[in-house]
Amino acid sequence: MTCFEDFVTERVLEGASIIGLYPATHPETLELFAAWRLKAGR
């Protein structure tokens, strides 16, 4: 899996909707992903 797919999997397991998350069609998805990468060190 790619780093983005790891992020998506984690978000879905937390209860987020897949719609707008994968593929990243909502602008805030990329912002959340960037923050997640910083936090996760990835």
C-alpha atoms as a PDB file:
ATOM      1  CA  MET A   1       0.000   0.000   0.000  1.00  0.00           C
ATOM      2  CA  THR A   2       1.007   3.579  -0.482  1.00  0.00           C
ATOM      3  CA  CYS A   3       1.321   6.067   2.342  1.00  0.00           C
ATOM      4  CA  PHE A   4      -1.931   7.717   1.206  1.00  0.00           C
ATOM      5  CA  GLU A   5      -3.756   4.381   1.264  1.00  0.00           C
ATOM      6  CA  ASP A   6      -2.506   3.811   4.821  1.00  0.00           C
ATOM      7  CA  PHE A   7      -3.953   7.201   5.750  1.00  0.00           C
ATOM      8  CA  VAL A   8      -7.270   6.384   4.068  1.00  0.00           C
ATOM      9  CA  THR A   9      -7.498   3.007   5.802  1.00  0.00           C
ATOM     10  CA  GLU A  10      -6.861   4.611   9.179  1.00  0.00           C
ATOM     11  CA  ARG A  11      -9.506   7.303   8.564  1.00  0.00           C
ATOM     12  CA  VAL A  12     -12.122   4.761   7.442  1.00  0.00           C
ATOM     13  CA  LEU A  13     -11.440   2.574  10.481  1.00  0.00           C
ATOM     14  CA  GLU A  14     -12.041   5.700  12.587  1.00  0.00           C
ATOM     15  CA  GLY A  15     -15.464   6.045  10.944  1.00  0.00           C
ATOM     16  CA  ALA A  16     -14.827   8.495   8.093  1.00  0.00           C
ATOM     17  CA  SER A  17     -16.752   8.092   4.849  1.00  0.00           C
ATOM     18  CA  ILE A  18     -14.767   6.853   1.871  1.00  0.00           C
ATOM     19  CA  ILE A  19     -16.588   9.379  -0.337  1.00  0.00           C
ATOM     20  CA  GLY A  20     -14.287  12.328  -0.965  1.00  0.00           C
ATOM     21  CA  LEU A  21     -11.510  10.549   0.857  1.00  0.00           C
ATOM     22  CA  TYR A  22     -10.477   8.067  -1.829  1.00  0.00           C
ATOM     23  CA  PRO A  23      -9.873   9.449  -4.327  1.00  0.00           C
ATOM     24  CA  ALA A  24      -9.147  12.718  -2.572  1.00  0.00           C
ATOM     25  CA  THR A  25     -11.849  14.899  -4.106  1.00  0.00           C
ATOM     26  CA  HIS A  26     -12.457  17.012  -0.996  1.00  0.00           C
ATOM     27  CA  PRO A  27      -9.749  19.696  -0.562  1.00  0.00           C
ATOM     28  CA  GLU A  28      -9.581  19.126   3.196  1.00  0.00           C
ATOM     29  CA  THR A  29      -8.566  15.505   2.591  1.00  0.00           C
ATOM     30  CA  LEU A  30      -5.156  16.584   1.310  1.00  0.00           C
ATOM     31  CA  GLU A  31      -4.758  18.972   4.237  1.00  0.00           C
ATOM     32  CA  LEU A  32      -5.561  16.181   6.704  1.00  0.00           C
ATOM     33  CA  PHE A  33      -3.188  13.859   4.854  1.00  0.00           C
ATOM     34  CA  ALA A  34      -0.341  16.388   5.079  1.00  0.00           C
ATOM     35  CA  ALA A  35      -0.916  16.768   8.826  1.00  0.00           C
ATOM     36  CA  TRP A  36      -1.104  12.985   9.234  1.00  0.00           C
ATOM     37  CA  ARG A  37       2.223  12.561   7.404  1.00  0.00           C
ATOM     38  CA  LEU A  38       3.925  15.068   9.699  1.00  0.00           C
ATOM     39  CA  LYS A  39       2.511  13.395  12.799  1.00  0.00           C
ATOM     40  CA  ALA A  40       3.344   9.885  11.565  1.00  0.00           C
ATOM     41  CA  GLY A  41       6.786  10.870  10.296  1.00  0.00           C
ATOM     42  CA  ARG A  42       6.007   9.588   6.836  1.00  0.00           C
END
